[in-house]
Amino acid sequence: MPDKIITFEGQKPKEKVVDFGRKHPLVMGKMGLIILAITLVIFGFFLKLGFSSVTSYITIVAGTIGVIYFLRCWFIYSHSIYIISTDRVISMDQRGFFSRRVSESTLDKIVNVTQDVRGFVRTIFNFGDIVIQTSGSGNENSIIKLVDVPNPNEIQKKITHTASEYAGAEVEIDLGKSQR
């Protein structure tokens, strides 16, 4: 965590940010592969058909789709963040240009924190999901999920340590590799 003071909208007067972050940059790799595929398709059309009005239209349409897709992916990546503060955990999951899910829980409501790292790429590059179970009605709303975060083990430790300090009691740490 940098030494600079971090603030956010809706922050309480004595609340301090313990950690914040966003998804691992590698999740943007899927976007890169799709844009590469679009570029290869355009290049293939030029090789097959040469320069013509058809290839020009295909280039304009495919380029426009690629740019919109890139902007959408970048917007989702840059607006999906998590904040761990001295009072609560907040997850802002941007799902599209006009779709966002914000979940938050005070630290005293956290009962279990699980890290879930599945797959070869996630294991090698050390990123995964953090699942925070909160006391509540037992439905979907009693779970906060931080998706594709880097160093999930460190984030899990920060959440449990901060929650333990806040509540004055230990929070259960699930060291299991995944949920089944």
C-alpha atoms as a PDB file:
ATOM      1  CA  MET A   1       0.000   0.000   0.000  1.00  0.00           C
ATOM      2  CA  PRO A   2       1.448   3.364  -0.934  1.00  0.00           C
ATOM      3  CA  ASP A   3       2.056   5.925   1.799  1.00  0.00           C
ATOM      4  CA  LYS A   4      -0.276   8.462   0.213  1.00  0.00           C
ATOM      5  CA  ILE A   5      -3.713   9.009   1.716  1.00  0.00           C
ATOM      6  CA  ILE A   6      -6.511   7.451  -0.305  1.00  0.00           C
ATOM      7  CA  THR A   7     -10.104   8.613  -0.069  1.00  0.00           C
ATOM      8  CA  PHE A   8     -13.315   7.549  -1.761  1.00  0.00           C
ATOM      9  CA  GLU A   9     -16.858   8.803  -2.135  1.00  0.00           C
ATOM     10  CA  GLY A  10     -19.003   7.853   0.850  1.00  0.00           C
ATOM     11  CA  GLN A  11     -16.029   7.436   3.178  1.00  0.00           C
ATOM     12  CA  LYS A  12     -16.861   7.861   6.854  1.00  0.00           C
ATOM     13  CA  PRO A  13     -15.000  10.538   8.884  1.00  0.00           C
ATOM     14  CA  LYS A  14     -12.565   8.258  10.768  1.00  0.00           C
ATOM     15  CA  GLU A  15     -12.477   5.465   8.167  1.00  0.00           C
ATOM     16  CA  LYS A  16      -9.069   4.772   6.614  1.00  0.00           C
ATOM     17  CA  VAL A  17      -8.276   2.720   3.517  1.00  0.00           C
ATOM     18  CA  VAL A  18      -6.238  -0.396   4.347  1.00  0.00           C
ATOM     19  CA  ASP A  19      -6.011  -1.674   0.759  1.00  0.00           C
ATOM     20  CA  PHE A  20      -7.599  -1.116  -2.611  1.00  0.00           C
ATOM     21  CA  GLY A  21      -7.096  -2.533  -6.047  1.00  0.00           C
ATOM     22  CA  ARG A  22      -8.582  -3.881  -9.208  1.00  0.00           C
ATOM     23  CA  LYS A  23      -8.534  -7.048 -11.238  1.00  0.00           C
ATOM     24  CA  HIS A  24      -5.250  -8.598 -12.301  1.00  0.00           C
ATOM     25  CA  PRO A  25      -4.069  -7.014 -15.587  1.00  0.00           C
ATOM     26  CA  LEU A  26      -3.871 -10.439 -17.212  1.00  0.00           C
ATOM     27  CA  VAL A  27      -7.685 -10.567 -17.398  1.00  0.00           C
ATOM     28  CA  MET A  28      -7.305  -8.023 -20.197  1.00  0.00           C
ATOM     29  CA  GLY A  29      -5.496 -10.769 -22.160  1.00  0.00           C
ATOM     30  CA  LYS A  30      -8.800 -12.155 -23.439  1.00  0.00           C
ATOM     31  CA  MET A  31      -9.564  -8.753 -24.947  1.00  0.00           C
ATOM     32  CA  GLY A  32      -6.149  -8.688 -26.588  1.00  0.00           C
ATOM     33  CA  LEU A  33      -6.704 -12.100 -28.159  1.00  0.00           C
ATOM     34  CA  ILE A  34     -10.087 -11.063 -29.567  1.00  0.00           C
ATOM     35  CA  ILE A  35      -8.648  -7.864 -31.061  1.00  0.00           C
ATOM     36  CA  LEU A  36      -5.768  -9.898 -32.503  1.00  0.00           C
ATOM     37  CA  ALA A  37      -8.307 -12.275 -34.077  1.00  0.00           C
ATOM     38  CA  ILE A  38     -10.218  -9.338 -35.601  1.00  0.00           C
ATOM     39  CA  THR A  39      -6.947  -7.951 -36.984  1.00  0.00           C
ATOM     40  CA  LEU A  40      -6.034 -11.328 -38.500  1.00  0.00           C
ATOM     41  CA  VAL A  41      -9.490 -11.631 -40.107  1.00  0.00           C
ATOM     42  CA  ILE A  42      -9.100  -8.169 -41.656  1.00  0.00           C
ATOM     43  CA  PHE A  43      -5.604  -9.047 -42.866  1.00  0.00           C
ATOM     44  CA  GLY A  44      -6.956 -12.305 -44.321  1.00  0.00           C
ATOM     45  CA  PHE A  45      -9.641 -10.418 -46.252  1.00  0.00           C
ATOM     46  CA  PHE A  46      -6.995  -8.090 -47.680  1.00  0.00           C
ATOM     47  CA  LEU A  47      -4.863 -11.052 -48.775  1.00  0.00           C
ATOM     48  CA  LYS A  48      -7.827 -12.871 -50.304  1.00  0.00           C
ATOM     49  CA  LEU A  49      -9.717  -9.970 -51.885  1.00  0.00           C
ATOM     50  CA  GLY A  50      -7.110  -7.206 -52.169  1.00  0.00           C
ATOM     51  CA  PHE A  51      -8.026  -3.554 -51.790  1.00  0.00           C
ATOM     52  CA  SER A  52     -11.642  -3.034 -52.773  1.00  0.00           C
ATOM     53  CA  SER A  53     -14.770  -1.370 -51.484  1.00  0.00           C
ATOM     54  CA  VAL A  54     -15.781  -4.661 -49.810  1.00  0.00           C
ATOM     55  CA  THR A  55     -12.560  -4.929 -47.814  1.00  0.00           C
ATOM     56  CA  SER A  56     -12.765  -1.232 -46.954  1.00  0.00           C
ATOM     57  CA  TYR A  57     -16.248  -1.693 -45.489  1.00  0.00           C
ATOM     58  CA  ILE A  58     -15.186  -4.844 -43.667  1.00  0.00           C
ATOM     59  CA  THR A  59     -12.186  -2.968 -42.237  1.00  0.00           C
ATOM     60  CA  ILE A  60     -14.344  -0.057 -41.078  1.00  0.00           C
ATOM     61  CA  VAL A  61     -16.974  -2.325 -39.484  1.00  0.00           C
ATOM     62  CA  ALA A  62     -14.448  -4.682 -37.865  1.00  0.00           C
ATOM     63  CA  GLY A  63     -12.292  -1.775 -36.700  1.00  0.00           C
ATOM     64  CA  THR A  64     -15.296  -0.037 -35.168  1.00  0.00           C
ATOM     65  CA  ILE A  65     -16.362  -3.244 -33.408  1.00  0.00           C
ATOM     66  CA  GLY A  66     -12.792  -3.746 -32.168  1.00  0.00           C
ATOM     67  CA  VAL A  67     -12.548  -0.194 -30.815  1.00  0.00           C
ATOM     68  CA  ILE A  68     -15.933  -0.429 -29.064  1.00  0.00           C
ATOM     69  CA  TYR A  69     -14.978  -3.814 -27.597  1.00  0.00           C
ATOM     70  CA  PHE A  70     -11.627  -2.422 -26.408  1.00  0.00           C
ATOM     71  CA  LEU A  71     -13.302   0.609 -24.789  1.00  0.00           C
ATOM     72  CA  ARG A  72     -15.889  -1.614 -23.098  1.00  0.00           C
ATOM     73  CA  CYS A  73     -13.215  -3.975 -21.710  1.00  0.00           C
ATOM     74  CA  TRP A  74     -11.035  -1.101 -20.527  1.00  0.00           C
ATOM     75  CA  PHE A  75     -14.023   0.644 -18.919  1.00  0.00           C
ATOM     76  CA  ILE A  76     -15.002  -2.548 -17.063  1.00  0.00           C
ATOM     77  CA  TYR A  77     -11.407  -3.175 -15.969  1.00  0.00           C
ATOM     78  CA  SER A  78     -10.760   0.371 -14.774  1.00  0.00           C
ATOM     79  CA  HIS A  79     -14.083   0.725 -12.924  1.00  0.00           C
ATOM     80  CA  SER A  80     -14.087  -2.670 -11.150  1.00  0.00           C
ATOM     81  CA  ILE A  81     -12.331  -2.078  -7.836  1.00  0.00           C
ATOM     82  CA  TYR A  82     -12.322  -3.273  -4.260  1.00  0.00           C
ATOM     83  CA  ILE A  83     -11.668  -1.274  -1.114  1.00  0.00           C
ATOM     84  CA  ILE A  84     -10.723  -2.666   2.287  1.00  0.00           C
ATOM     85  CA  SER A  85     -11.099  -0.001   4.961  1.00  0.00           C
ATOM     86  CA  THR A  86     -10.893   0.047   8.725  1.00  0.00           C
ATOM     87  CA  ASP A  87     -14.730  -0.254   8.831  1.00  0.00           C
ATOM     88  CA  ARG A  88     -15.849  -2.275   5.794  1.00  0.00           C
ATOM     89  CA  VAL A  89     -15.118  -4.115   2.578  1.00  0.00           C
ATOM     90  CA  ILE A  90     -16.528  -2.678  -0.650  1.00  0.00           C
ATOM     91  CA  SER A  91     -16.630  -4.389  -4.042  1.00  0.00           C
ATOM     92  CA  MET A  92     -17.545  -2.385  -7.151  1.00  0.00           C
ATOM     93  CA  ASP A  93     -18.008  -4.791 -10.047  1.00  0.00           C
ATOM     94  CA  GLN A  94     -18.557  -2.982 -13.351  1.00  0.00           C
ATOM     95  CA  ARG A  95     -20.325  -5.379 -15.735  1.00  0.00           C
ATOM     96  CA  GLY A  96     -20.837  -3.163 -18.765  1.00  0.00           C
ATOM     97  CA  PHE A  97     -21.259   0.463 -19.756  1.00  0.00           C
ATOM     98  CA  PHE A  98     -24.585   0.679 -17.922  1.00  0.00           C
ATOM     99  CA  SER A  99     -24.374  -2.156 -15.395  1.00  0.00           C
ATOM    100  CA  ARG A 100     -22.572  -2.137 -12.044  1.00  0.00           C
ATOM    101  CA  ARG A 101     -22.911  -4.113  -8.840  1.00  0.00           C
ATOM    102  CA  VAL A 102     -21.704  -2.571  -5.583  1.00  0.00           C
ATOM    103  CA  SER A 103     -21.505  -4.802  -2.513  1.00  0.00           C
ATOM    104  CA  GLU A 104     -20.318  -3.819   0.913  1.00  0.00           C
ATOM    105  CA  SER A 105     -20.212  -5.231   4.385  1.00  0.00           C
ATOM    106  CA  THR A 106     -19.025  -3.896   7.684  1.00  0.00           C
ATOM    107  CA  LEU A 107     -16.117  -5.859   9.077  1.00  0.00           C
ATOM    108  CA  ASP A 108     -18.079  -7.141  12.077  1.00  0.00           C
ATOM    109  CA  LYS A 109     -20.456  -9.000   9.714  1.00  0.00           C
ATOM    110  CA  ILE A 110     -17.669 -11.022   8.052  1.00  0.00           C
ATOM    111  CA  VAL A 111     -17.682 -14.641   9.186  1.00  0.00           C
ATOM    112  CA  ASN A 112     -15.515 -16.396   6.578  1.00  0.00           C
ATOM    113  CA  VAL A 113     -12.992 -15.362   3.927  1.00  0.00           C
ATOM    114  CA  THR A 114     -12.047 -17.877   1.226  1.00  0.00           C
ATOM    115  CA  GLN A 115      -9.581 -17.575  -1.606  1.00  0.00           C
ATOM    116  CA  ASP A 116     -10.311 -19.476  -4.810  1.00  0.00           C
ATOM    117  CA  VAL A 117      -7.484 -19.910  -7.334  1.00  0.00           C
ATOM    118  CA  ARG A 118      -8.401 -22.264 -10.155  1.00  0.00           C
ATOM    119  CA  GLY A 119      -6.528 -23.155 -13.293  1.00  0.00           C
ATOM    120  CA  PHE A 120      -3.005 -23.140 -14.612  1.00  0.00           C
ATOM    121  CA  VAL A 121      -2.825 -19.451 -15.631  1.00  0.00           C
ATOM    122  CA  ARG A 122      -4.294 -18.179 -12.362  1.00  0.00           C
ATOM    123  CA  THR A 123      -1.929 -20.363 -10.326  1.00  0.00           C
ATOM    124  CA  ILE A 124       1.195 -19.391 -12.288  1.00  0.00           C
ATOM    125  CA  PHE A 125       0.387 -15.656 -12.281  1.00  0.00           C
ATOM    126  CA  ASN A 126      -1.021 -15.683  -8.724  1.00  0.00           C
ATOM    127  CA  PHE A 127      -4.507 -14.261  -9.107  1.00  0.00           C
ATOM    128  CA  GLY A 128      -7.937 -15.511  -8.160  1.00  0.00           C
ATOM    129  CA  ASP A 129     -11.165 -14.777  -6.357  1.00  0.00           C
ATOM    130  CA  ILE A 130     -11.832 -13.856  -2.753  1.00  0.00           C
ATOM    131  CA  VAL A 131     -15.210 -14.973  -1.407  1.00  0.00           C
ATOM    132  CA  ILE A 132     -16.346 -13.134   1.719  1.00  0.00           C
ATOM    133  CA  GLN A 133     -19.231 -14.707   3.584  1.00  0.00           C
ATOM    134  CA  THR A 134     -21.139 -12.323   5.791  1.00  0.00           C
ATOM    135  CA  SER A 135     -23.718 -12.975   8.460  1.00  0.00           C
ATOM    136  CA  GLY A 136     -27.112 -12.493   6.932  1.00  0.00           C
ATOM    137  CA  SER A 137     -30.080 -14.296   5.550  1.00  0.00           C
ATOM    138  CA  GLY A 138     -28.004 -16.964   3.804  1.00  0.00           C
ATOM    139  CA  ASN A 139     -28.907 -15.850   0.303  1.00  0.00           C
ATOM    140  CA  GLU A 140     -26.688 -14.568  -2.510  1.00  0.00           C
ATOM    141  CA  ASN A 141     -26.550 -11.132  -0.888  1.00  0.00           C
ATOM    142  CA  SER A 142     -24.630 -12.520   2.097  1.00  0.00           C
ATOM    143  CA  ILE A 143     -21.576 -13.167  -0.119  1.00  0.00           C
ATOM    144  CA  ILE A 144     -19.179 -10.573  -1.485  1.00  0.00           C
ATOM    145  CA  LYS A 145     -16.897 -11.765  -4.258  1.00  0.00           C
ATOM    146  CA  LEU A 146     -13.710 -10.012  -5.324  1.00  0.00           C
ATOM    147  CA  VAL A 147     -13.039 -11.445  -8.782  1.00  0.00           C
ATOM    148  CA  ASP A 148      -9.620 -11.946 -10.439  1.00  0.00           C
ATOM    149  CA  VAL A 149      -7.627 -10.064  -7.804  1.00  0.00           C
ATOM    150  CA  PRO A 150      -3.816 -10.299  -7.727  1.00  0.00           C
ATOM    151  CA  ASN A 151      -2.196 -11.978  -4.698  1.00  0.00           C
ATOM    152  CA  PRO A 152      -5.408 -13.406  -3.231  1.00  0.00           C
ATOM    153  CA  ASN A 153      -3.572 -14.859  -0.231  1.00  0.00           C
ATOM    154  CA  GLU A 154      -2.301 -11.410   0.800  1.00  0.00           C
ATOM    155  CA  ILE A 155      -5.718  -9.815   0.313  1.00  0.00           C
ATOM    156  CA  GLN A 156      -7.355 -12.595   2.342  1.00  0.00           C
ATOM    157  CA  LYS A 157      -4.880 -11.971   5.172  1.00  0.00           C
ATOM    158  CA  LYS A 158      -5.504  -8.202   5.082  1.00  0.00           C
ATOM    159  CA  ILE A 159      -9.269  -8.705   5.262  1.00  0.00           C
ATOM    160  CA  THR A 160      -9.128 -11.209   8.112  1.00  0.00           C
ATOM    161  CA  HIS A 161      -6.563  -9.174  10.057  1.00  0.00           C
ATOM    162  CA  THR A 162      -8.527  -5.931   9.662  1.00  0.00           C
ATOM    163  CA  ALA A 163     -11.815  -7.669  10.523  1.00  0.00           C
ATOM    164  CA  SER A 164     -10.237  -9.257  13.607  1.00  0.00           C
ATOM    165  CA  GLU A 165      -8.937  -5.875  14.782  1.00  0.00           C
ATOM    166  CA  TYR A 166     -12.332  -4.265  14.145  1.00  0.00           C
ATOM    167  CA  ALA A 167     -14.367  -6.930  15.930  1.00  0.00           C
ATOM    168  CA  GLY A 168     -11.838  -7.865  18.575  1.00  0.00           C
ATOM    169  CA  ALA A 169     -12.312 -11.547  17.649  1.00  0.00           C
ATOM    170  CA  GLU A 170     -10.838 -13.981  15.168  1.00  0.00           C
ATOM    171  CA  VAL A 171     -12.378 -14.404  11.722  1.00  0.00           C
ATOM    172  CA  GLU A 172     -12.333 -17.853  10.162  1.00  0.00           C
ATOM    173  CA  ILE A 173      -9.756 -18.282   7.399  1.00  0.00           C
ATOM    174  CA  ASP A 174     -10.532 -20.992   4.880  1.00  0.00           C
ATOM    175  CA  LEU A 175      -7.230 -22.302   3.521  1.00  0.00           C
ATOM    176  CA  GLY A 176      -8.977 -24.597   1.048  1.00  0.00           C
ATOM    177  CA  LYS A 177      -7.878 -24.323  -2.552  1.00  0.00           C
ATOM    178  CA  SER A 178     -11.387 -23.928  -3.952  1.00  0.00           C
ATOM    179  CA  GLN A 179     -15.069 -24.165  -3.205  1.00  0.00           C
ATOM    180  CA  ARG A 180     -16.931 -27.213  -4.421  1.00  0.00           C
END
